[in-house]
Amino acid sequence: MKIQTLITAMILAASGAAFAQTPAADPAATPGVDKRMANQQKRIDQGVASGQLNAREAARLQKREAKLAADTAAAKSDGVVTAAERRKPQREAHRDSKAVYKQKHDRQMAGSAAK
């Protein structure tokens, strides 16, 4: 019984110390959107390399990604990203992700006639 109490106390103390050492979150950080943009860029590059995306599709998707990056930068510009400012890039990233999927899985291939 005493050993369990001692072990529990040690675990709680260690977790409290670890929690106290974590730095405060940057109020202008958007790690979710940033990670998503990087992932979507890889998906676009992979689609071009595999021939799933033709040049026109890839250019259109790149333009959407550039707009997302600009909107994210605008939200970060004042040093604080509010919940409302965070929602817009998240929704935009979701729509862009769906567009990448749609373009990669349509019947067009690189070298085929564009729509």
Protein backbone atom coordinates (compact mmCIF):
# COMPACT_ATOMS: atom_id res chain seq x y z
CA MET A 1 0.00 0.00 0.00
CA LYS A 2 2.75 2.47 0.91
CA ILE A 3 4.70 1.58 -2.23
CA GLN A 4 1.70 2.32 -4.45
CA THR A 5 1.20 5.68 -2.75
CA LEU A 6 4.88 6.51 -3.17
CA ILE A 7 4.87 5.51 -6.85
CA THR A 8 1.70 7.53 -7.48
CA ALA A 9 3.22 10.57 -5.77
CA MET A 10 6.39 10.26 -7.84
CA ILE A 11 4.42 10.00 -11.09
CA LEU A 12 2.31 13.03 -10.23
CA ALA A 13 5.40 15.04 -9.28
CA ALA A 14 7.19 14.08 -12.49
CA SER A 15 4.20 14.88 -14.69
CA GLY A 16 3.72 18.22 -12.93
CA ALA A 17 7.35 19.13 -13.49
CA ALA A 18 7.13 18.17 -17.14
CA PHE A 19 3.97 20.20 -17.57
CA ALA A 20 5.52 23.24 -15.89
CA GLN A 21 8.47 23.14 -18.30
CA THR A 22 6.40 23.32 -21.48
CA PRO A 23 6.66 26.76 -23.07
CA ALA A 24 3.58 28.91 -23.45
CA ALA A 25 1.82 28.49 -26.77
CA ASP A 26 2.52 31.17 -29.33
CA PRO A 27 -0.75 33.09 -29.83
CA ALA A 28 0.10 33.61 -33.50
CA ALA A 29 0.90 29.96 -34.18
CA THR A 30 -1.21 27.92 -36.57
CA PRO A 31 0.54 24.54 -36.44
CA GLY A 32 -2.48 22.60 -37.70
CA VAL A 33 -2.90 24.69 -40.83
CA ASP A 34 0.85 24.90 -41.42
CA LYS A 35 1.21 21.13 -41.22
CA ARG A 36 -1.80 20.66 -43.47
CA MET A 37 -0.41 23.06 -46.10
CA ALA A 38 2.88 21.14 -46.16
CA ASN A 39 1.02 17.84 -46.49
CA GLN A 40 -1.15 19.16 -49.32
CA GLN A 41 1.92 20.48 -51.12
CA LYS A 42 3.42 16.98 -50.96
CA ARG A 43 0.18 15.53 -52.32
CA ILE A 44 0.22 17.97 -55.24
CA ASP A 45 3.89 17.22 -55.98
CA GLN A 46 3.20 13.48 -55.81
CA GLY A 47 0.22 13.89 -58.17
CA VAL A 48 2.37 15.72 -60.71
CA ALA A 49 5.15 13.13 -60.43
CA SER A 50 2.76 10.21 -60.88
CA GLY A 51 0.84 11.84 -63.72
CA GLN A 52 -2.43 12.01 -61.76
CA LEU A 53 -2.40 15.80 -62.13
CA ASN A 54 -1.86 17.58 -65.40
CA ALA A 55 -0.15 20.98 -65.56
CA ARG A 56 -3.39 22.96 -65.54
CA GLU A 57 -4.79 21.11 -62.53
CA ALA A 58 -1.52 21.46 -60.64
CA ALA A 59 -1.35 25.20 -61.37
CA ARG A 60 -4.92 25.69 -60.14
CA LEU A 61 -4.21 23.76 -56.93
CA GLN A 62 -0.96 25.69 -56.38
CA LYS A 63 -2.92 28.93 -56.70
CA ARG A 64 -5.35 27.75 -54.01
CA GLU A 65 -2.44 26.85 -51.73
CA ALA A 66 -0.88 30.28 -52.27
CA LYS A 67 -4.17 31.94 -51.28
CA LEU A 68 -4.33 29.78 -48.15
CA ALA A 69 -0.77 30.79 -47.24
CA ALA A 70 -1.63 34.47 -47.76
CA ASP A 71 -4.77 34.19 -45.64
CA THR A 72 -2.83 32.46 -42.88
CA ALA A 73 -0.14 35.15 -42.98
CA ALA A 74 -2.82 37.85 -42.79
CA ALA A 75 -4.32 36.18 -39.73
CA LYS A 76 -0.87 36.07 -38.08
CA SER A 77 0.01 39.65 -39.02
CA ASP A 78 -1.11 41.27 -35.76
CA GLY A 79 0.66 38.67 -33.61
CA VAL A 80 -2.50 36.95 -32.34
CA VAL A 81 -4.70 34.48 -34.18
CA THR A 82 -8.19 34.52 -32.73
CA ALA A 83 -10.57 31.57 -32.92
CA ALA A 84 -12.49 33.26 -35.73
CA GLU A 85 -9.28 33.99 -37.64
CA ARG A 86 -8.23 30.37 -37.15
CA ARG A 87 -11.50 28.95 -38.54
CA LYS A 88 -11.22 30.58 -41.98
CA PRO A 89 -7.86 29.00 -42.93
CA GLN A 90 -8.99 25.67 -41.47
CA ARG A 91 -12.13 25.66 -43.64
CA GLU A 92 -10.11 26.79 -46.64
CA ALA A 93 -7.54 24.03 -46.06
CA HIS A 94 -10.36 21.49 -45.84
CA ARG A 95 -11.83 22.66 -49.16
CA ASP A 96 -8.37 22.64 -50.76
CA SER A 97 -7.77 19.11 -49.54
CA LYS A 98 -11.02 17.97 -51.12
CA ALA A 99 -10.03 19.72 -54.36
CA VAL A 100 -6.66 17.93 -54.41
CA TYR A 101 -8.40 14.60 -53.91
CA LYS A 102 -10.98 15.34 -56.62
CA GLN A 103 -8.35 16.40 -59.16
CA LYS A 104 -6.05 13.46 -58.41
CA HIS A 105 -8.88 10.96 -58.79
CA ASP A 106 -10.58 12.26 -61.91
CA ARG A 107 -10.03 10.58 -65.25
CA GLN A 108 -7.63 13.24 -66.50
CA MET A 109 -3.98 12.36 -66.56
CA ALA A 110 -0.89 14.37 -67.42
CA GLY A 111 -0.63 14.50 -71.19
CA SER A 112 -4.42 14.19 -71.70
CA ALA A 113 -6.58 17.03 -72.96
CA ALA A 114 -7.51 19.55 -70.25
CA LYS A 115 -11.13 20.43 -69.52
